[in-house]
């Protein structure tokens, strides 16, 4: 794939991830703890890992987080939580995907990404607050992360199959 095509496709990935992130910010999930999200933008992260690799996927995550915090109005704190969880998630998913030989399904990789995203956000919260007590919400976040990670994985798997048929990444 030539550089122009790659740049255009990555730009499309960033825009799609940004749109999904902004849509998600308008959806309120009634839970007893803050931070439970659908993780829709992670669909694009998974697809970026599959078709481009780690470096490009992390680039998509970082640019999406910057733009999302600007357009979503969350500012510096939203960016910090989002980028920490997003990058850690991309690292974990990339490692599992690269381990090869279909050891992990896309759904399993996505669940691991959702869990690591939640852990990353709790770690940054604990660092900022200088208190590990924030980890009390981790069980709820991990359960919701598994559920949402499963959903994101299913959608990502379907999307991967559909995109392979288009031959756009050749």
Protein backbone atom coordinates (compact mmCIF):
# COMPACT_ATOMS: atom_id res chain seq x y z
CA UNK A 1 0.00 0.00 0.00
CA UNK A 2 1.42 3.40 -0.92
CA UNK A 3 1.90 6.18 1.64
CA UNK A 4 -0.88 8.41 0.33
CA UNK A 5 -3.45 5.63 0.52
CA UNK A 6 -2.23 4.65 3.99
CA UNK A 7 -2.45 8.26 5.22
CA UNK A 8 -5.97 8.66 3.82
CA UNK A 9 -7.13 5.41 5.42
CA UNK A 10 -5.61 6.33 8.78
CA UNK A 11 -7.29 9.74 8.55
CA UNK A 12 -10.59 7.98 7.95
CA UNK A 13 -9.91 5.74 10.95
CA UNK A 14 -9.27 8.78 13.15
CA UNK A 15 -12.46 10.47 11.97
CA UNK A 16 -14.52 7.32 12.52
CA UNK A 17 -13.05 6.79 15.98
CA UNK A 18 -13.69 10.44 16.84
CA UNK A 19 -17.32 10.24 15.71
CA UNK A 20 -17.88 7.05 17.70
CA UNK A 21 -16.23 8.62 20.74
CA UNK A 22 -18.38 11.75 20.53
CA UNK A 23 -21.57 9.73 20.03
CA UNK A 24 -20.62 7.62 23.03
CA UNK A 25 -20.15 10.74 25.16
CA UNK A 26 -23.82 11.57 24.59
CA UNK A 27 -24.97 8.15 25.85
CA UNK A 28 -25.51 7.93 29.58
CA UNK A 29 -25.18 4.47 31.07
CA UNK A 30 -26.90 4.25 34.46
CA UNK A 31 -24.37 2.58 36.76
CA UNK A 32 -23.45 3.07 40.41
CA UNK A 33 -19.87 4.00 39.49
CA UNK A 34 -18.48 6.58 37.06
CA UNK A 35 -16.45 5.57 34.05
CA UNK A 36 -18.57 2.82 32.52
CA UNK A 37 -18.53 3.38 28.76
CA UNK A 38 -19.42 1.40 25.66
CA UNK A 39 -15.93 1.67 24.14
CA UNK A 40 -17.19 2.11 20.59
CA UNK A 41 -14.02 3.88 19.40
CA UNK A 42 -12.11 0.72 20.29
CA UNK A 43 -13.71 -0.94 17.27
CA UNK A 44 -11.52 1.30 15.14
CA UNK A 45 -8.47 0.60 17.33
CA UNK A 46 -8.93 -3.15 16.84
CA UNK A 47 -9.33 -2.72 13.08
CA UNK A 48 -6.23 -0.47 12.95
CA UNK A 49 -4.20 -3.14 14.77
CA UNK A 50 -5.38 -5.82 12.36
CA UNK A 51 -4.78 -3.91 9.13
CA UNK A 52 -1.92 -1.55 10.03
CA UNK A 53 -0.18 -2.63 13.22
CA UNK A 54 0.79 -1.24 16.59
CA UNK A 55 2.38 2.10 15.68
CA UNK A 56 -0.47 3.21 13.46
CA UNK A 57 -3.12 2.02 15.93
CA UNK A 58 -1.50 4.00 18.76
CA UNK A 59 -1.32 7.04 16.48
CA UNK A 60 -5.04 6.73 15.77
CA UNK A 61 -5.75 6.44 19.51
CA UNK A 62 -3.65 9.47 20.44
CA UNK A 63 -5.04 11.72 17.70
CA UNK A 64 -8.59 10.60 18.53
CA UNK A 65 -8.04 11.35 22.23
CA UNK A 66 -6.66 14.82 21.48
CA UNK A 67 -9.52 15.69 19.14
CA UNK A 68 -12.13 14.13 21.40
CA UNK A 69 -10.99 16.17 24.38
CA UNK A 70 -11.06 19.34 22.24
CA UNK A 71 -14.44 18.75 20.58
CA UNK A 72 -16.01 16.94 23.51
CA UNK A 73 -15.11 19.70 25.94
CA UNK A 74 -13.53 17.42 28.51
CA UNK A 75 -10.20 19.21 28.56
CA UNK A 76 -6.95 17.97 29.98
CA UNK A 77 -8.37 15.44 32.46
CA UNK A 78 -10.53 13.72 29.84
CA UNK A 79 -7.51 13.55 27.57
CA UNK A 80 -5.29 12.10 30.29
CA UNK A 81 -7.75 9.35 31.23
CA UNK A 82 -8.65 8.60 27.63
CA UNK A 83 -5.10 8.45 26.27
CA UNK A 84 -3.79 6.37 29.19
CA UNK A 85 -6.53 3.77 28.84
CA UNK A 86 -6.45 3.88 25.05
CA UNK A 87 -2.69 3.45 24.67
CA UNK A 88 -2.48 0.69 27.29
CA UNK A 89 -5.38 -1.06 25.57
CA UNK A 90 -3.70 -0.77 22.16
CA UNK A 91 -0.44 -2.14 23.59
CA UNK A 92 -2.15 -5.17 25.15
CA UNK A 93 -4.29 -5.88 22.09
CA UNK A 94 -1.29 -5.54 19.76
CA UNK A 95 0.79 -7.96 21.83
CA UNK A 96 -2.03 -10.51 21.85
CA UNK A 97 -2.69 -10.04 18.14
CA UNK A 98 1.03 -10.34 17.28
CA UNK A 99 1.35 -13.52 19.36
CA UNK A 100 -0.12 -15.06 16.22
CA UNK A 101 -1.32 -18.48 15.26
CA UNK A 102 -4.88 -17.48 16.16
CA UNK A 103 -4.18 -18.07 19.86
CA UNK A 104 -6.70 -15.34 20.64
CA UNK A 105 -9.89 -14.47 18.82
CA UNK A 106 -10.63 -10.87 17.93
CA UNK A 107 -13.30 -10.97 20.63
CA UNK A 108 -10.80 -12.23 23.22
CA UNK A 109 -8.30 -9.57 22.18
CA UNK A 110 -10.99 -6.91 22.49
CA UNK A 111 -11.99 -8.09 25.97
CA UNK A 112 -8.34 -7.93 27.06
CA UNK A 113 -8.16 -4.43 25.60
CA UNK A 114 -11.26 -3.31 27.50
CA UNK A 115 -9.90 -4.70 30.76
CA UNK A 116 -6.51 -3.04 30.25
CA UNK A 117 -8.23 0.23 29.34
CA UNK A 118 -10.08 0.19 32.67
CA UNK A 119 -6.93 -0.72 34.59
CA UNK A 120 -5.04 2.13 32.89
CA UNK A 121 -7.71 4.62 33.86
CA UNK A 122 -7.75 3.43 37.47
CA UNK A 123 -3.94 3.68 37.60
CA UNK A 124 -3.97 7.26 36.34
CA UNK A 125 -6.76 8.14 38.79
CA UNK A 126 -4.77 6.63 41.66
CA UNK A 127 -1.67 8.58 40.61
CA UNK A 128 -3.55 11.86 40.31
CA UNK A 129 -5.44 11.42 43.57
CA UNK A 130 -2.47 9.82 45.33
CA UNK A 131 -4.87 7.23 46.70
CA UNK A 132 -5.46 3.60 45.72
CA UNK A 133 -8.99 3.79 47.14
CA UNK A 134 -10.23 4.59 43.62
CA UNK A 135 -9.60 0.93 42.81
CA UNK A 136 -12.79 0.10 44.73
CA UNK A 137 -14.72 0.64 41.47
CA UNK A 138 -12.46 -1.73 39.53
CA UNK A 139 -14.69 -4.84 39.86
CA UNK A 140 -17.65 -3.03 38.28
CA UNK A 141 -15.42 -1.58 35.56
CA UNK A 142 -13.89 -4.98 34.81
CA UNK A 143 -17.29 -6.65 34.52
CA UNK A 144 -18.62 -3.91 32.26
CA UNK A 145 -15.32 -4.00 30.34
CA UNK A 146 -15.73 -7.71 29.66
CA UNK A 147 -19.28 -7.20 28.44
CA UNK A 148 -18.48 -4.21 26.27
CA UNK A 149 -15.21 -5.77 25.10
CA UNK A 150 -17.15 -8.81 23.92
CA UNK A 151 -19.57 -6.60 21.98
CA UNK A 152 -16.74 -4.50 20.49
CA UNK A 153 -14.93 -7.71 19.54
CA UNK A 154 -17.96 -9.11 17.74
CA UNK A 155 -18.46 -5.90 15.78
CA UNK A 156 -14.72 -5.71 15.01
CA UNK A 157 -14.68 -9.30 13.77
CA UNK A 158 -17.66 -8.65 11.51
CA UNK A 159 -16.09 -5.42 10.25
CA UNK A 160 -12.74 -7.12 9.61
CA UNK A 161 -14.43 -9.74 7.43
CA UNK A 162 -16.39 -7.09 5.54
CA UNK A 163 -13.29 -4.95 4.98
CA UNK A 164 -11.24 -7.91 3.73
CA UNK A 165 -13.84 -8.47 1.02
CA UNK A 166 -13.36 -4.91 -0.24
CA UNK A 167 -9.63 -5.47 -0.84
CA UNK A 168 -9.08 -1.80 0.12
CA UNK A 169 -6.03 -2.67 2.21
CA UNK A 170 -4.10 -4.34 -0.60
